PDB file of all heavy atoms in Angstrom:
ATOM      1  N   VAL A   1       0.825  -1.207   0.000  1.00  0.00           N
ATOM      2  CA  VAL A   1       0.000   0.000   0.000  1.00  0.00           C
ATOM      3  C   VAL A   1       0.861   1.259   0.000  1.00  0.00           C
ATOM      4  O   VAL A   1       0.603   2.208  -0.746  1.00  0.00           O
ATOM      5  CB  VAL A   1      -0.966  -0.004   1.196  1.00  0.00           C
ATOM      6  CG1 VAL A   1      -1.755   1.309   1.246  1.00  0.00           C
ATOM      7  CG2 VAL A   1      -1.912  -1.188   1.108  1.00  0.00           C
ATOM      8  N   THR A   2       1.900   1.278   0.831  1.00  0.00           N
ATOM      9  CA  THR A   2       2.771   2.444   0.851  1.00  0.00           C
ATOM     10  C   THR A   2       3.509   2.586  -0.470  1.00  0.00           C
ATOM     11  O   THR A   2       3.742   3.696  -0.945  1.00  0.00           O
ATOM     12  CB  THR A   2       3.786   2.373   2.012  1.00  0.00           C
ATOM     13  OG1 THR A   2       4.503   1.133   1.968  1.00  0.00           O
ATOM     14  CG2 THR A   2       3.096   2.498   3.347  1.00  0.00           C
ATOM     15  N   ASP A   3       3.862   1.464  -1.076  1.00  0.00           N
ATOM     16  CA  ASP A   3       4.489   1.507  -2.399  1.00  0.00           C
ATOM     17  C   ASP A   3       3.538   2.115  -3.419  1.00  0.00           C
ATOM     18  O   ASP A   3       3.948   2.890  -4.291  1.00  0.00           O
ATOM     19  CB  ASP A   3       4.907   0.095  -2.817  1.00  0.00           C
ATOM     20  CG  ASP A   3       5.574   0.069  -4.180  1.00  0.00           C
ATOM     21  OD1 ASP A   3       6.666   0.645  -4.326  1.00  0.00           O
ATOM     22  OD2 ASP A   3       4.994  -0.535  -5.108  1.00  0.00           O
ATOM     23  N   PHE A   4       2.261   1.786  -3.307  1.00  0.00           N
ATOM     24  CA  PHE A   4       1.233   2.338  -4.194  1.00  0.00           C
ATOM     25  C   PHE A   4       1.188   3.861  -4.090  1.00  0.00           C
ATOM     26  O   PHE A   4       1.168   4.574  -5.099  1.00  0.00           O
ATOM     27  CB  PHE A   4      -0.123   1.725  -3.831  1.00  0.00           C
ATOM     28  CG  PHE A   4      -1.299   2.323  -4.543  1.00  0.00           C
ATOM     29  CD1 PHE A   4      -1.591   1.964  -5.845  1.00  0.00           C
ATOM     30  CD2 PHE A   4      -2.117   3.240  -3.906  1.00  0.00           C
ATOM     31  CE1 PHE A   4      -2.692   2.523  -6.501  1.00  0.00           C
ATOM     32  CE2 PHE A   4      -3.216   3.796  -4.556  1.00  0.00           C
ATOM     33  CZ  PHE A   4      -3.497   3.434  -5.846  1.00  0.00           C
ATOM     34  N   PHE A   5       1.197   4.388  -2.881  1.00  0.00           N
ATOM     35  CA  PHE A   5       1.166   5.830  -2.678  1.00  0.00           C
ATOM     36  C   PHE A   5       2.521   6.477  -2.961  1.00  0.00           C
ATOM     37  O   PHE A   5       2.595   7.601  -3.457  1.00  0.00           O
ATOM     38  CB  PHE A   5       0.738   6.156  -1.253  1.00  0.00           C
ATOM     39  CG  PHE A   5      -0.734   6.043  -1.008  1.00  0.00           C
ATOM     40  CD1 PHE A   5      -1.243   4.998  -0.259  1.00  0.00           C
ATOM     41  CD2 PHE A   5      -1.609   6.986  -1.509  1.00  0.00           C
ATOM     42  CE1 PHE A   5      -2.607   4.884  -0.022  1.00  0.00           C
ATOM     43  CE2 PHE A   5      -2.974   6.885  -1.280  1.00  0.00           C
ATOM     44  CZ  PHE A   5      -3.471   5.825  -0.533  1.00  0.00           C
ATOM     45  N   ALA A   6       3.599   5.775  -2.617  1.00  0.00           N
ATOM     46  CA  ALA A   6       4.933   6.334  -2.775  1.00  0.00           C
ATOM     47  C   ALA A   6       5.269   6.631  -4.230  1.00  0.00           C
ATOM     48  O   ALA A   6       6.081   7.506  -4.523  1.00  0.00           O
ATOM     49  CB  ALA A   6       5.981   5.387  -2.186  1.00  0.00           C
ATOM     50  N   SER A   7       4.645   5.925  -5.143  1.00  0.00           N
ATOM     51  CA  SER A   7       4.942   6.107  -6.562  1.00  0.00           C
ATOM     52  C   SER A   7       4.635   7.525  -7.041  1.00  0.00           C
ATOM     53  O   SER A   7       5.201   7.981  -8.036  1.00  0.00           O
ATOM     54  CB  SER A   7       4.157   5.092  -7.403  1.00  0.00           C
ATOM     55  OG  SER A   7       2.754   5.296  -7.283  1.00  0.00           O
ATOM     56  N   THR A   8       3.751   8.234  -6.338  1.00  0.00           N
ATOM     57  CA  THR A   8       3.405   9.603  -6.717  1.00  0.00           C
ATOM     58  C   THR A   8       3.734  10.617  -5.622  1.00  0.00           C
ATOM     59  O   THR A   8       3.344  11.778  -5.709  1.00  0.00           O
ATOM     60  CB  THR A   8       1.904   9.712  -7.053  1.00  0.00           C
ATOM     61  OG1 THR A   8       1.123   9.252  -5.937  1.00  0.00           O
ATOM     62  CG2 THR A   8       1.564   8.869  -8.276  1.00  0.00           C
ATOM     63  N   ALA A   9       4.458  10.175  -4.594  1.00  0.00           N
ATOM     64  CA  ALA A   9       4.773  11.048  -3.467  1.00  0.00           C
ATOM     65  C   ALA A   9       6.111  11.754  -3.665  1.00  0.00           C
ATOM     66  O   ALA A   9       7.035  11.220  -4.277  1.00  0.00           O
ATOM     67  CB  ALA A   9       4.801  10.254  -2.162  1.00  0.00           C
ATOM     68  N   ASP A  10       6.199  12.963  -3.121  1.00  0.00           N
ATOM     69  CA  ASP A  10       7.469  13.683  -3.108  1.00  0.00           C
ATOM     70  C   ASP A  10       8.308  13.298  -1.887  1.00  0.00           C
ATOM     71  O   ASP A  10       9.538  13.317  -1.943  1.00  0.00           O
ATOM     72  CB  ASP A  10       7.215  15.193  -3.103  1.00  0.00           C
ATOM     73  CG  ASP A  10       6.484  15.665  -4.342  1.00  0.00           C
ATOM     74  OD1 ASP A  10       7.006  15.453  -5.453  1.00  0.00           O
ATOM     75  OD2 ASP A  10       5.375  16.247  -4.210  1.00  0.00           O
ATOM     76  N   TYR A  11       7.609  12.959  -0.796  1.00  0.00           N
ATOM     77  CA  TYR A  11       8.273  12.565   0.445  1.00  0.00           C
ATOM     78  C   TYR A  11       7.518  11.386   1.060  1.00  0.00           C
ATOM     79  O   TYR A  11       6.281  11.363   1.056  1.00  0.00           O
ATOM     80  CB  TYR A  11       8.297  13.714   1.470  1.00  0.00           C
ATOM     81  CG  TYR A  11       9.111  14.915   1.042  1.00  0.00           C
ATOM     82  CD1 TYR A  11       8.558  15.880   0.199  1.00  0.00           C
ATOM     83  CD2 TYR A  11      10.408  15.094   1.493  1.00  0.00           C
ATOM     84  CE1 TYR A  11       9.309  16.980  -0.208  1.00  0.00           C
ATOM     85  CE2 TYR A  11      11.159  16.196   1.101  1.00  0.00           C
ATOM     86  CZ  TYR A  11      10.603  17.120   0.252  1.00  0.00           C
ATOM     87  OH  TYR A  11      11.343  18.213  -0.139  1.00  0.00           O
ATOM     88  N   VAL A  12       8.263  10.415   1.596  1.00  0.00           N
ATOM     89  CA  VAL A  12       7.684   9.347   2.404  1.00  0.00           C
ATOM     90  C   VAL A  12       8.367   9.394   3.766  1.00  0.00           C
ATOM     91  O   VAL A  12       9.597   9.298   3.853  1.00  0.00           O
ATOM     92  CB  VAL A  12       7.853   7.958   1.775  1.00  0.00           C
ATOM     93  CG1 VAL A  12       7.328   6.883   2.721  1.00  0.00           C
ATOM     94  CG2 VAL A  12       7.109   7.873   0.448  1.00  0.00           C
ATOM     95  N   VAL A  13       7.560   9.525   4.830  1.00  0.00           N
ATOM     96  CA  VAL A  13       8.096   9.758   6.161  1.00  0.00           C
ATOM     97  C   VAL A  13       7.717   8.608   7.100  1.00  0.00           C
ATOM     98  O   VAL A  13       6.527   8.364   7.338  1.00  0.00           O
ATOM     99  CB  VAL A  13       7.561  11.087   6.747  1.00  0.00           C
ATOM    100  CG1 VAL A  13       8.228  11.369   8.097  1.00  0.00           C
ATOM    101  CG2 VAL A  13       7.784  12.245   5.781  1.00  0.00           C
ATOM    102  N   ARG A  14       8.725   7.891   7.620  1.00  0.00           N
ATOM    103  CA  ARG A  14       8.502   6.945   8.721  1.00  0.00           C
ATOM    104  C   ARG A  14       8.399   7.740  10.009  1.00  0.00           C
ATOM    105  O   ARG A  14       9.255   8.563  10.306  1.00  0.00           O
ATOM    106  CB  ARG A  14       9.666   5.954   8.813  1.00  0.00           C
ATOM    107  CG  ARG A  14       9.551   4.729   7.959  1.00  0.00           C
ATOM    108  CD  ARG A  14       8.627   3.663   8.505  1.00  0.00           C
ATOM    109  NE  ARG A  14       8.911   3.242   9.869  1.00  0.00           N
ATOM    110  CZ  ARG A  14       9.748   2.261  10.219  1.00  0.00           C
ATOM    111  NH1 ARG A  14      10.415   1.607   9.281  1.00  0.00           N
ATOM    112  NH2 ARG A  14       9.933   1.932  11.482  1.00  0.00           N
ATOM    113  N   PHE A  15       7.369   7.478  10.814  1.00  0.00           N
ATOM    114  CA  PHE A  15       7.174   8.312  12.002  1.00  0.00           C
ATOM    115  C   PHE A  15       7.310   7.573  13.331  1.00  0.00           C
ATOM    116  O   PHE A  15       7.239   8.212  14.381  1.00  0.00           O
ATOM    117  CB  PHE A  15       5.829   9.049  11.934  1.00  0.00           C
ATOM    118  CG  PHE A  15       4.608   8.167  11.838  1.00  0.00           C
ATOM    119  CD1 PHE A  15       4.039   7.600  12.962  1.00  0.00           C
ATOM    120  CD2 PHE A  15       4.003   7.932  10.610  1.00  0.00           C
ATOM    121  CE1 PHE A  15       2.914   6.811  12.873  1.00  0.00           C
ATOM    122  CE2 PHE A  15       2.867   7.131  10.508  1.00  0.00           C
ATOM    123  CZ  PHE A  15       2.321   6.574  11.637  1.00  0.00           C
ATOM    124  N   GLN A  16       7.507   6.257  13.324  1.00  0.00           N
ATOM    125  CA  GLN A  16       7.699   5.532  14.577  1.00  0.00           C
ATOM    126  C   GLN A  16       8.315   4.177  14.309  1.00  0.00           C
ATOM    127  O   GLN A  16       8.369   3.712  13.174  1.00  0.00           O
ATOM    128  CB  GLN A  16       6.384   5.353  15.344  1.00  0.00           C
ATOM    129  CG  GLN A  16       5.210   4.804  14.570  1.00  0.00           C
ATOM    130  CD  GLN A  16       5.182   3.289  14.305  1.00  0.00           C
ATOM    131  OE1 GLN A  16       4.722   2.845  13.269  1.00  0.00           O
ATOM    132  NE2 GLN A  16       5.655   2.505  15.250  1.00  0.00           N
ATOM    133  N   GLY A  17       8.792   3.550  15.403  1.00  0.00           N
ATOM    134  CA  GLY A  17       9.348   2.217  15.301  1.00  0.00           C
ATOM    135  C   GLY A  17      10.770   2.205  14.772  1.00  0.00           C
ATOM    136  O   GLY A  17      11.386   3.255  14.529  1.00  0.00           O
ATOM    137  N   GLY A  18      11.273   1.016  14.609  1.00  0.00           N
ATOM    138  CA  GLY A  18      12.627   0.848  14.103  1.00  0.00           C
ATOM    139  C   GLY A  18      12.693  -0.347  13.175  1.00  0.00           C
ATOM    140  O   GLY A  18      11.733  -0.618  12.436  1.00  0.00           O
ATOM    141  N   ASN A  19      13.786  -1.096  13.241  1.00  0.00           N
ATOM    142  CA  ASN A  19      13.923  -2.246  12.359  1.00  0.00           C
ATOM    143  C   ASN A  19      13.262  -3.497  12.920  1.00  0.00           C
ATOM    144  O   ASN A  19      13.541  -4.606  12.466  1.00  0.00           O
ATOM    145  CB  ASN A  19      15.395  -2.522  12.032  1.00  0.00           C
ATOM    146  CG  ASN A  19      16.242  -2.842  13.238  1.00  0.00           C
ATOM    147  OD1 ASN A  19      16.198  -2.131  14.242  1.00  0.00           O
ATOM    148  ND2 ASN A  19      17.036  -3.898  13.174  1.00  0.00           N
ATOM    149  N   ASN A  20      12.385  -3.304  13.908  1.00  0.00           N
ATOM    150  CA  ASN A  20      11.520  -4.398  14.353  1.00  0.00           C
ATOM    151  C   ASN A  20      10.340  -4.572  13.422  1.00  0.00           C
ATOM    152  O   ASN A  20       9.594  -5.537  13.539  1.00  0.00           O
ATOM    153  CB  ASN A  20      11.028  -4.150  15.782  1.00  0.00           C
ATOM    154  CG  ASN A  20      10.284  -2.837  15.933  1.00  0.00           C
ATOM    155  OD1 ASN A  20      10.534  -1.871  15.221  1.00  0.00           O
ATOM    156  ND2 ASN A  20       9.382  -2.778  16.894  1.00  0.00           N
ATOM    157  N   ALA A  21      10.140  -3.612  12.535  1.00  0.00           N
ATOM    158  CA  ALA A  21       9.066  -3.697  11.546  1.00  0.00           C
ATOM    159  C   ALA A  21       9.649  -4.138  10.220  1.00  0.00           C
ATOM    160  O   ALA A  21      10.802  -3.874   9.918  1.00  0.00           O
ATOM    161  CB  ALA A  21       8.396  -2.333  11.391  1.00  0.00           C
ATOM    162  N   GLY A  22       8.866  -4.819   9.435  1.00  0.00           N
ATOM    163  CA  GLY A  22       9.341  -5.240   8.133  1.00  0.00           C
ATOM    164  C   GLY A  22       8.220  -5.330   7.134  1.00  0.00           C
ATOM    165  O   GLY A  22       7.094  -5.675   7.483  1.00  0.00           O
ATOM    166  N   HIS A  23       8.506  -4.972   5.910  1.00  0.00           N
ATOM    167  CA  HIS A  23       7.516  -5.171   4.859  1.00  0.00           C
ATOM    168  C   HIS A  23       8.225  -5.514   3.560  1.00  0.00           C
ATOM    169  O   HIS A  23       9.374  -5.125   3.328  1.00  0.00           O
ATOM    170  CB  HIS A  23       6.624  -3.933   4.678  1.00  0.00           C
ATOM    171  CG  HIS A  23       7.370  -2.654   4.427  1.00  0.00           C
ATOM    172  ND1 HIS A  23       7.637  -1.746   5.428  1.00  0.00           N
ATOM    173  CD2 HIS A  23       7.896  -2.137   3.323  1.00  0.00           C
ATOM    174  CE1 HIS A  23       8.308  -0.721   4.925  1.00  0.00           C
ATOM    175  NE2 HIS A  23       8.470  -0.938   3.641  1.00  0.00           N
ATOM    176  N   THR A  24       7.526  -6.272   2.754  1.00  0.00           N
ATOM    177  CA  THR A  24       8.083  -6.750   1.497  1.00  0.00           C
ATOM    178  C   THR A  24       7.321  -6.151   0.325  1.00  0.00           C
ATOM    179  O   THR A  24       6.092  -6.150   0.309  1.00  0.00           O
ATOM    180  CB  THR A  24       8.027  -8.285   1.423  1.00  0.00           C
ATOM    181  OG1 THR A  24       8.752  -8.847   2.517  1.00  0.00           O
ATOM    182  CG2 THR A  24       8.627  -8.786   0.122  1.00  0.00           C
TER     183      THR A  24
END
C-alpha cells in the first residue's frame, strides 16, 4: 500500500518504530 502511494509522493516519512518492523 505504501508503495502504491509512494509512486506519486514527493516525500515518504517513517514516524515511529525501528527495524523491528518489516515489509516486502
